[in-house]
C-alpha cells in the first residue's frame, strides 16, 4: 500500500491569532493536520482566482509570489505583521503588501496605521516596528511609508485616510 507523508513546520505563538483555539503546539499541529485538505482547497482556489496575463512566466511568478505573501502573513491578537516577519519592516512591506491592499484593504490600512504609531519625534518612521529598530542611515524609509499611503489612496480613493496619515 501507499503512505501519505506530510511535512508541517509549525510555530506556536501564544499571542497569535489561533492561540485561543489552539493553546499549545500539539493542538495547533492537530488543527492544521485536521484542516489540511480545506487549507489546500482554499489555497488552490485563491491561486485560480488570480487574473492571468498573456505571459506564462509572469503568471507563474505571480502565483508563487502571491501565495507566499498571503500564506506568510502573520497576525497576532494585538497586531498585524506582514510576510512572516517578526517585525513590520517598512521597505520590505512596501514591496510585499500589495496582495493585502488588493484582497484585504483593512489589513493594509492597519499595517500603515501601526507604522505611523511609532513615528519618532524627529518625524522619521523607524526601519521596523514591533520591535522598533532604527538603523538611522536608511533615509528611504519615510519615502516607502509615503509611497505606501499613496498606493493605498490610488487603490481606495480614501481621502479621509490620507488626511488622517498626513501628520505622519
N, C-alpha and C. Protein backbone atom coordinates (compact mmCIF):
# COMPACT_ATOMS: atom_id res chain seq x y z
N UNK A 1 0.81 -1.18 0.00
CA UNK A 1 0.00 0.00 0.00
C UNK A 1 0.86 1.26 0.00
N UNK A 2 0.21 2.36 -0.08
CA UNK A 2 0.91 3.64 -0.10
C UNK A 2 0.69 4.37 1.23
N UNK A 3 1.63 5.24 1.52
CA UNK A 3 1.56 6.03 2.74
C UNK A 3 1.71 7.50 2.36
N UNK A 4 0.86 8.33 2.91
CA UNK A 4 0.97 9.76 2.69
C UNK A 4 1.75 10.37 3.83
N UNK A 5 2.77 11.14 3.47
CA UNK A 5 3.58 11.82 4.47
C UNK A 5 3.44 13.32 4.24
N UNK A 6 3.14 14.04 5.30
CA UNK A 6 3.03 15.49 5.21
C UNK A 6 4.05 16.10 6.14
N UNK A 7 4.74 17.08 5.63
CA UNK A 7 5.72 17.81 6.43
C UNK A 7 5.08 19.12 6.86
N UNK A 8 5.03 19.36 8.16
CA UNK A 8 4.46 20.61 8.67
C UNK A 8 5.52 21.29 9.53
N UNK A 9 5.81 22.50 9.22
CA UNK A 9 6.69 23.32 10.04
C UNK A 9 5.78 24.28 10.79
N UNK A 10 5.65 24.06 12.09
CA UNK A 10 4.67 24.80 12.88
C UNK A 10 5.37 25.53 14.01
N UNK A 11 4.99 26.77 14.18
CA UNK A 11 5.49 27.59 15.27
C UNK A 11 4.28 28.12 16.02
N UNK A 12 4.22 27.88 17.30
CA UNK A 12 3.10 28.37 18.11
C UNK A 12 3.49 29.67 18.78
N UNK A 13 2.64 30.67 18.63
CA UNK A 13 2.86 31.97 19.26
C UNK A 13 1.69 32.20 20.22
N UNK A 14 1.96 32.31 21.49
CA UNK A 14 0.90 32.47 22.48
C UNK A 14 0.08 33.74 22.26
N UNK A 15 0.64 34.70 21.49
CA UNK A 15 -0.08 35.92 21.16
C UNK A 15 -0.76 35.82 19.80
N UNK A 16 -0.57 34.71 19.12
CA UNK A 16 -1.05 34.57 17.75
C UNK A 16 -2.56 34.44 17.64
N UNK A 17 -3.01 34.60 16.42
CA UNK A 17 -4.43 34.60 16.09
C UNK A 17 -5.10 33.29 16.52
N UNK A 18 -4.44 32.17 16.34
CA UNK A 18 -5.02 30.87 16.65
C UNK A 18 -4.78 30.42 18.10
N UNK A 19 -4.11 31.22 18.91
CA UNK A 19 -3.75 30.80 20.27
C UNK A 19 -4.97 30.49 21.13
N UNK A 20 -6.06 31.21 20.95
CA UNK A 20 -7.26 30.94 21.74
C UNK A 20 -7.86 29.58 21.40
N UNK A 21 -7.80 29.22 20.11
CA UNK A 21 -8.33 27.93 19.67
C UNK A 21 -7.35 26.80 19.92
N UNK A 22 -6.07 27.10 19.81
CA UNK A 22 -5.02 26.09 19.93
C UNK A 22 -3.98 26.60 20.95
N UNK A 23 -4.15 26.27 22.22
CA UNK A 23 -3.31 26.86 23.26
C UNK A 23 -1.86 26.37 23.31
N UNK A 24 -1.55 25.31 22.57
CA UNK A 24 -0.17 24.81 22.57
C UNK A 24 0.17 24.25 21.19
N UNK A 25 1.42 23.90 21.02
CA UNK A 25 1.87 23.47 19.69
C UNK A 25 1.22 22.16 19.26
N UNK A 26 0.96 21.26 20.20
CA UNK A 26 0.33 19.99 19.85
C UNK A 26 -1.08 20.21 19.31
N UNK A 27 -1.84 21.09 19.97
CA UNK A 27 -3.21 21.34 19.49
C UNK A 27 -3.19 22.09 18.16
N UNK A 28 -2.20 22.96 17.95
CA UNK A 28 -2.08 23.65 16.67
C UNK A 28 -1.74 22.66 15.56
N UNK A 29 -0.81 21.75 15.83
CA UNK A 29 -0.46 20.72 14.84
C UNK A 29 -1.66 19.85 14.51
N UNK A 30 -2.43 19.50 15.52
CA UNK A 30 -3.63 18.70 15.30
C UNK A 30 -4.65 19.45 14.46
N UNK A 31 -4.82 20.74 14.74
CA UNK A 31 -5.75 21.56 13.97
C UNK A 31 -5.32 21.64 12.50
N UNK A 32 -4.04 21.91 12.27
CA UNK A 32 -3.53 22.02 10.90
C UNK A 32 -3.69 20.69 10.17
N UNK A 33 -3.34 19.60 10.83
CA UNK A 33 -3.47 18.28 10.19
C UNK A 33 -4.94 17.98 9.86
N UNK A 34 -5.85 18.34 10.76
CA UNK A 34 -7.27 18.08 10.53
C UNK A 34 -7.87 18.95 9.44
N UNK A 35 -7.32 20.14 9.26
CA UNK A 35 -7.86 21.08 8.26
C UNK A 35 -7.03 21.09 6.98
N UNK A 36 -6.10 20.18 6.85
CA UNK A 36 -5.14 20.16 5.73
C UNK A 36 -5.84 20.25 4.38
N UNK A 37 -6.82 19.41 4.14
CA UNK A 37 -7.49 19.39 2.84
C UNK A 37 -8.23 20.70 2.57
N UNK A 38 -8.84 21.29 3.61
CA UNK A 38 -9.53 22.57 3.42
C UNK A 38 -8.53 23.67 3.12
N UNK A 39 -7.40 23.69 3.83
CA UNK A 39 -6.35 24.68 3.55
C UNK A 39 -5.87 24.54 2.11
N UNK A 40 -5.68 23.29 1.68
CA UNK A 40 -5.21 23.03 0.31
C UNK A 40 -6.25 23.52 -0.71
N UNK A 41 -7.51 23.25 -0.46
CA UNK A 41 -8.58 23.71 -1.35
C UNK A 41 -8.63 25.24 -1.40
N UNK A 42 -8.56 25.87 -0.22
CA UNK A 42 -8.60 27.33 -0.17
C UNK A 42 -7.42 27.95 -0.91
N UNK A 43 -6.24 27.38 -0.72
CA UNK A 43 -5.04 27.88 -1.41
C UNK A 43 -5.20 27.75 -2.92
N UNK A 44 -5.66 26.60 -3.38
CA UNK A 44 -5.83 26.39 -4.82
C UNK A 44 -6.88 27.32 -5.40
N UNK A 45 -7.97 27.56 -4.67
CA UNK A 45 -9.00 28.48 -5.15
C UNK A 45 -8.45 29.91 -5.24
N UNK A 46 -7.64 30.31 -4.26
CA UNK A 46 -7.02 31.63 -4.32
C UNK A 46 -6.14 31.75 -5.56
N UNK A 47 -5.31 30.77 -5.80
CA UNK A 47 -4.40 30.81 -6.94
C UNK A 47 -5.18 30.84 -8.25
N UNK A 48 -6.22 30.06 -8.36
CA UNK A 48 -7.02 30.03 -9.59
C UNK A 48 -7.80 31.32 -9.81
N UNK A 49 -8.11 32.03 -8.74
CA UNK A 49 -8.89 33.27 -8.87
C UNK A 49 -8.04 34.45 -9.34
N UNK A 50 -6.74 34.30 -9.32
CA UNK A 50 -5.88 35.40 -9.73
C UNK A 50 -6.00 35.66 -11.23
N UNK A 51 -5.94 36.92 -11.61
CA UNK A 51 -6.02 37.21 -13.05
C UNK A 51 -4.80 36.66 -13.79
N UNK A 52 -5.00 36.39 -15.05
CA UNK A 52 -3.92 35.87 -15.88
C UNK A 52 -3.52 36.90 -16.92
N UNK A 53 -2.23 36.85 -17.27
CA UNK A 53 -1.72 37.70 -18.34
C UNK A 53 -1.44 36.82 -19.55
N UNK A 54 -0.94 37.42 -20.61
CA UNK A 54 -0.57 36.65 -21.81
C UNK A 54 0.80 35.99 -21.64
N UNK A 55 1.49 36.29 -20.56
CA UNK A 55 2.85 35.79 -20.35
C UNK A 55 2.84 34.73 -19.23
N UNK A 56 3.09 33.47 -19.60
CA UNK A 56 3.04 32.39 -18.62
C UNK A 56 4.11 32.52 -17.54
N UNK A 57 5.25 33.09 -17.87
CA UNK A 57 6.29 33.28 -16.85
C UNK A 57 5.80 34.26 -15.78
N UNK A 58 5.15 35.34 -16.19
CA UNK A 58 4.58 36.29 -15.23
C UNK A 58 3.47 35.61 -14.43
N UNK A 59 2.64 34.82 -15.07
CA UNK A 59 1.58 34.10 -14.36
C UNK A 59 2.15 33.19 -13.28
N UNK A 60 3.19 32.42 -13.62
CA UNK A 60 3.81 31.52 -12.64
C UNK A 60 4.40 32.31 -11.49
N UNK A 61 5.11 33.39 -11.82
CA UNK A 61 5.72 34.22 -10.78
C UNK A 61 4.66 34.81 -9.86
N UNK A 62 3.60 35.40 -10.43
CA UNK A 62 2.54 35.98 -9.61
C UNK A 62 1.91 34.95 -8.68
N UNK A 63 1.65 33.78 -9.18
CA UNK A 63 1.03 32.75 -8.36
C UNK A 63 1.96 32.29 -7.23
N UNK A 64 3.22 32.13 -7.54
CA UNK A 64 4.17 31.73 -6.49
C UNK A 64 4.31 32.85 -5.47
N UNK A 65 4.51 34.07 -5.93
CA UNK A 65 4.78 35.19 -5.04
C UNK A 65 3.56 35.54 -4.21
N UNK A 66 2.39 35.58 -4.82
CA UNK A 66 1.20 35.97 -4.09
C UNK A 66 0.83 34.93 -3.05
N UNK A 67 0.93 33.65 -3.40
CA UNK A 67 0.57 32.66 -2.38
C UNK A 67 1.53 32.74 -1.19
N UNK A 68 2.82 33.00 -1.44
CA UNK A 68 3.76 33.17 -0.33
C UNK A 68 3.39 34.40 0.48
N UNK A 69 3.05 35.49 -0.19
CA UNK A 69 2.69 36.72 0.50
C UNK A 69 1.47 36.54 1.39
N UNK A 70 0.50 35.80 0.93
CA UNK A 70 -0.71 35.58 1.71
C UNK A 70 -0.46 34.56 2.81
N UNK A 71 0.16 33.45 2.47
CA UNK A 71 0.34 32.37 3.44
C UNK A 71 1.32 32.73 4.56
N UNK A 72 2.23 33.64 4.30
CA UNK A 72 3.19 34.03 5.33
C UNK A 72 2.76 35.24 6.15
N UNK A 73 1.59 35.78 5.87
CA UNK A 73 1.11 36.91 6.66
C UNK A 73 0.84 36.43 8.08
N UNK A 74 1.34 37.20 9.02
CA UNK A 74 1.22 36.80 10.43
C UNK A 74 0.36 37.83 11.15
N UNK A 75 -0.61 37.34 11.90
CA UNK A 75 -1.50 38.20 12.66
C UNK A 75 -1.46 37.75 14.11
N UNK A 76 -1.24 38.69 15.02
CA UNK A 76 -1.35 38.38 16.45
C UNK A 76 -2.67 38.93 16.95
N UNK A 77 -2.97 38.70 18.20
CA UNK A 77 -4.21 39.24 18.75
C UNK A 77 -4.19 40.76 18.78
N UNK A 78 -3.00 41.33 18.93
CA UNK A 78 -2.88 42.78 19.05
C UNK A 78 -2.49 43.47 17.75
N UNK A 79 -1.73 42.80 16.90
CA UNK A 79 -1.09 43.46 15.77
C UNK A 79 -1.18 42.63 14.50
N UNK A 80 -0.95 43.33 13.41
CA UNK A 80 -0.81 42.69 12.11
C UNK A 80 0.65 42.81 11.72
N UNK A 81 1.26 41.70 11.37
CA UNK A 81 2.63 41.73 10.87
C UNK A 81 2.59 41.16 9.46
N UNK A 82 3.56 41.48 8.67
CA UNK A 82 3.48 41.10 7.27
C UNK A 82 4.55 40.10 6.86
N UNK A 83 4.17 39.24 5.97
CA UNK A 83 5.07 38.32 5.28
C UNK A 83 5.90 37.44 6.20
N UNK A 84 5.36 37.07 7.33
CA UNK A 84 6.03 36.13 8.20
C UNK A 84 7.16 36.71 9.01
N UNK A 85 7.44 37.99 8.84
CA UNK A 85 8.48 38.61 9.65
C UNK A 85 8.05 38.65 11.11
N UNK A 86 9.01 38.79 11.98
CA UNK A 86 8.68 39.01 13.39
C UNK A 86 8.56 40.50 13.66
N UNK A 87 8.71 41.31 12.64
CA UNK A 87 8.53 42.75 12.78
C UNK A 87 7.87 43.29 11.51
N UNK A 88 7.41 44.51 11.56
CA UNK A 88 6.83 45.16 10.39
C UNK A 88 7.92 46.04 9.79
N UNK A 89 8.53 45.58 8.73
CA UNK A 89 9.65 46.25 8.08
C UNK A 89 9.12 47.17 6.99
N UNK A 90 9.49 48.44 7.05
CA UNK A 90 8.90 49.44 6.15
C UNK A 90 9.23 49.19 4.68
N UNK A 91 10.48 48.98 4.37
CA UNK A 91 10.89 48.83 2.97
C UNK A 91 10.34 47.53 2.39
N UNK A 92 10.57 46.43 3.08
CA UNK A 92 10.11 45.14 2.55
C UNK A 92 8.59 45.07 2.46
N UNK A 93 7.92 45.64 3.47
CA UNK A 93 6.46 45.54 3.43
C UNK A 93 5.86 46.40 2.32
N UNK A 94 6.56 47.45 1.90
CA UNK A 94 6.05 48.20 0.75
C UNK A 94 5.99 47.29 -0.48
N UNK A 95 7.04 46.52 -0.70
CA UNK A 95 7.12 45.68 -1.90
C UNK A 95 6.25 44.44 -1.80
N UNK A 96 5.96 44.00 -0.59
CA UNK A 96 5.26 42.72 -0.45
C UNK A 96 3.81 42.84 -0.01
N UNK A 97 3.32 44.05 0.28
CA UNK A 97 1.97 44.16 0.85
C UNK A 97 0.89 44.43 -0.18
N UNK A 98 1.22 44.53 -1.45
CA UNK A 98 0.16 44.80 -2.42
C UNK A 98 -0.93 43.73 -2.42
N UNK A 99 -0.63 42.45 -2.13
CA UNK A 99 -1.76 41.50 -2.04
C UNK A 99 -2.74 41.87 -0.92
N UNK A 100 -2.20 42.39 0.18
CA UNK A 100 -3.08 42.81 1.27
C UNK A 100 -3.96 43.96 0.82
N UNK A 101 -3.37 44.91 0.14
CA UNK A 101 -4.13 46.06 -0.34
C UNK A 101 -5.28 45.62 -1.24
N UNK A 102 -5.00 44.73 -2.15
CA UNK A 102 -5.99 44.32 -3.13
C UNK A 102 -7.03 43.37 -2.52
N UNK A 103 -6.59 42.45 -1.69
CA UNK A 103 -7.50 41.43 -1.16
C UNK A 103 -8.10 41.79 0.20
N UNK A 104 -7.33 42.46 1.05
CA UNK A 104 -7.77 42.78 2.41
C UNK A 104 -7.35 44.21 2.73
N UNK A 105 -8.09 45.16 2.21
CA UNK A 105 -7.76 46.57 2.35
C UNK A 105 -7.64 46.97 3.82
N UNK A 106 -8.51 46.45 4.68
CA UNK A 106 -8.44 46.81 6.10
C UNK A 106 -7.15 46.34 6.74
N UNK A 107 -6.62 45.21 6.30
CA UNK A 107 -5.35 44.71 6.81
C UNK A 107 -4.21 45.65 6.41
N UNK A 108 -4.21 46.10 5.18
CA UNK A 108 -3.19 47.05 4.72
C UNK A 108 -3.30 48.37 5.49
N UNK A 109 -4.52 48.85 5.69
CA UNK A 109 -4.74 50.07 6.46
C UNK A 109 -4.16 49.91 7.87
N UNK A 110 -4.41 48.78 8.50
CA UNK A 110 -3.91 48.53 9.86
C UNK A 110 -2.38 48.54 9.91
N UNK A 111 -1.74 47.97 8.89
CA UNK A 111 -0.27 47.97 8.88
C UNK A 111 0.29 49.37 8.72
N UNK A 112 -0.34 50.19 7.89
CA UNK A 112 0.10 51.58 7.73
C UNK A 112 -0.10 52.35 9.03
N UNK A 113 -1.25 52.17 9.66
CA UNK A 113 -1.53 52.86 10.92
C UNK A 113 -0.54 52.44 12.01
N UNK A 114 -0.21 51.16 12.05
CA UNK A 114 0.77 50.69 13.04
C UNK A 114 2.13 51.34 12.81
N UNK A 115 2.52 51.51 11.59
CA UNK A 115 3.79 52.18 11.29
C UNK A 115 3.75 53.63 11.77
N UNK A 116 2.64 54.32 11.52
CA UNK A 116 2.51 55.72 11.92
C UNK A 116 2.56 55.88 13.44
N UNK A 117 2.03 54.90 14.17
CA UNK A 117 2.04 54.95 15.64
C UNK A 117 3.44 55.12 16.21
N UNK A 118 4.43 54.60 15.51
CA UNK A 118 5.79 54.57 16.03
C UNK A 118 6.69 55.66 15.44
N UNK A 119 6.07 56.64 14.77
CA UNK A 119 6.87 57.73 14.22
C UNK A 119 7.64 58.42 15.35
N UNK A 120 8.90 58.70 15.12
CA UNK A 120 9.76 59.30 16.14
C UNK A 120 9.56 60.82 16.19
N UNK A 121 9.96 61.46 17.28
CA UNK A 121 9.77 62.91 17.42
C UNK A 121 10.38 63.72 16.27
N UNK A 122 11.45 63.20 15.65
CA UNK A 122 12.07 63.93 14.54
C UNK A 122 11.35 63.69 13.20
N UNK A 123 10.25 62.93 13.23
CA UNK A 123 9.47 62.69 12.03
C UNK A 123 9.80 61.39 11.31
N UNK A 124 10.89 60.76 11.66
CA UNK A 124 11.30 59.53 10.97
C UNK A 124 10.44 58.34 11.39
N UNK A 125 10.06 57.55 10.42
CA UNK A 125 9.41 56.27 10.68
C UNK A 125 10.55 55.26 10.91
N UNK A 126 10.49 54.46 11.98
CA UNK A 126 11.57 53.50 12.22
C UNK A 126 11.70 52.49 11.08
N UNK A 127 12.88 51.94 10.93
CA UNK A 127 13.13 50.91 9.93
C UNK A 127 12.12 49.78 10.07
N UNK A 128 11.94 49.31 11.29
CA UNK A 128 10.92 48.31 11.59
C UNK A 128 10.20 48.72 12.87
N UNK A 129 8.99 48.23 13.01
CA UNK A 129 8.26 48.39 14.26
C UNK A 129 7.87 47.00 14.74
N UNK A 130 7.60 46.89 16.01
CA UNK A 130 7.18 45.62 16.63
C UNK A 130 8.26 44.55 16.50
N UNK A 131 9.46 44.67 16.95
CA UNK A 131 10.01 45.70 17.81
C UNK A 131 10.54 46.87 16.98
N UNK A 132 10.77 47.97 17.67
CA UNK A 132 11.31 49.15 16.99
C UNK A 132 12.80 48.94 16.76
N UNK A 133 13.19 49.05 15.52
CA UNK A 133 14.60 49.01 15.13
C UNK A 133 14.79 50.20 14.21
N UNK A 134 15.72 51.07 14.53
CA UNK A 134 16.01 52.18 13.64
C UNK A 134 17.49 52.17 13.32
N UNK A 135 17.80 52.04 12.07
CA UNK A 135 19.21 51.99 11.66
C UNK A 135 19.80 53.39 11.50
N UNK A 136 18.94 54.40 11.44
CA UNK A 136 19.41 55.78 11.38
C UNK A 136 19.88 56.25 10.02
N UNK A 137 20.50 55.37 9.25
CA UNK A 137 21.05 55.79 7.97
C UNK A 137 20.20 55.34 6.78
N UNK A 138 19.04 54.78 7.03
CA UNK A 138 18.16 54.33 5.94
C UNK A 138 17.19 55.45 5.60
N UNK A 139 17.69 56.39 4.83
CA UNK A 139 16.93 57.61 4.55
C UNK A 139 15.73 57.38 3.65
N UNK A 140 15.57 56.19 3.10
CA UNK A 140 14.45 55.92 2.20
C UNK A 140 13.21 55.40 2.91
N UNK A 141 13.28 55.12 4.20
CA UNK A 141 12.16 54.50 4.91
C UNK A 141 10.91 55.38 4.88
N UNK A 142 11.05 56.68 5.17
CA UNK A 142 9.88 57.54 5.12
C UNK A 142 9.29 57.61 3.72
N UNK A 143 10.15 57.55 2.71
CA UNK A 143 9.64 57.57 1.34
C UNK A 143 8.79 56.33 1.06
N UNK A 144 9.25 55.17 1.51
CA UNK A 144 8.46 53.95 1.32
C UNK A 144 7.14 54.04 2.08
N UNK A 145 7.17 54.61 3.27
CA UNK A 145 5.95 54.81 4.05
C UNK A 145 4.98 55.71 3.28
N UNK A 146 5.48 56.82 2.76
CA UNK A 146 4.64 57.74 1.99
C UNK A 146 4.13 57.11 0.70
N UNK A 147 4.97 56.35 0.03
CA UNK A 147 4.54 55.66 -1.19
C UNK A 147 3.44 54.64 -0.89
N UNK A 148 3.54 54.02 0.27
CA UNK A 148 2.51 53.05 0.65
C UNK A 148 1.17 53.75 0.86
N UNK A 149 1.19 54.93 1.49
CA UNK A 149 -0.03 55.71 1.66
C UNK A 149 -0.57 56.13 0.29
N UNK A 150 0.31 56.58 -0.60
CA UNK A 150 -0.11 56.99 -1.94
C UNK A 150 -0.72 55.81 -2.70
N UNK A 151 -0.11 54.65 -2.60
CA UNK A 151 -0.64 53.46 -3.27
C UNK A 151 -2.01 53.10 -2.68
N UNK A 152 -2.14 53.21 -1.37
CA UNK A 152 -3.41 52.94 -0.71
C UNK A 152 -4.48 53.87 -1.27
N UNK A 153 -4.15 55.16 -1.40
CA UNK A 153 -5.11 56.12 -1.95
C UNK A 153 -5.46 55.79 -3.40
N UNK A 154 -4.45 55.48 -4.20
CA UNK A 154 -4.71 55.15 -5.61
C UNK A 154 -5.69 53.99 -5.74
N UNK A 155 -5.61 53.04 -4.82
CA UNK A 155 -6.48 51.86 -4.89
C UNK A 155 -7.86 52.15 -4.31
N UNK A 156 -7.92 52.89 -3.18
CA UNK A 156 -9.18 53.04 -2.45
C UNK A 156 -9.87 54.39 -2.66
N UNK A 157 -9.09 55.41 -3.05
CA UNK A 157 -9.59 56.79 -3.14
C UNK A 157 -10.12 57.28 -1.78
N UNK A 158 -9.55 56.76 -0.71
CA UNK A 158 -9.96 57.11 0.66
C UNK A 158 -9.19 58.35 1.12
N UNK A 159 -9.70 59.52 0.78
CA UNK A 159 -9.02 60.77 1.12
C UNK A 159 -9.02 61.01 2.62
N UNK A 160 -10.02 60.51 3.33
CA UNK A 160 -10.04 60.67 4.79
C UNK A 160 -8.86 59.95 5.44
N UNK A 161 -8.51 58.79 4.90
CA UNK A 161 -7.36 58.07 5.44
C UNK A 161 -6.07 58.86 5.17
N UNK A 162 -5.95 59.43 3.99
CA UNK A 162 -4.77 60.24 3.68
C UNK A 162 -4.69 61.42 4.64
N UNK A 163 -5.79 62.07 4.89
CA UNK A 163 -5.80 63.19 5.84
C UNK A 163 -5.40 62.73 7.24
N UNK A 164 -5.88 61.58 7.64
CA UNK A 164 -5.52 61.04 8.95
C UNK A 164 -4.01 60.77 9.03
N UNK A 165 -3.42 60.31 7.95
CA UNK A 165 -1.99 59.99 7.93
C UNK A 165 -1.13 61.22 7.67
N UNK A 166 -1.71 62.32 7.21
CA UNK A 166 -0.93 63.49 6.81
C UNK A 166 0.07 63.95 7.86
N UNK A 167 -0.29 64.02 9.14
CA UNK A 167 0.72 64.45 10.13
C UNK A 167 1.96 63.55 10.13
N UNK A 168 1.81 62.29 9.73
CA UNK A 168 2.95 61.38 9.70
C UNK A 168 3.85 61.71 8.53
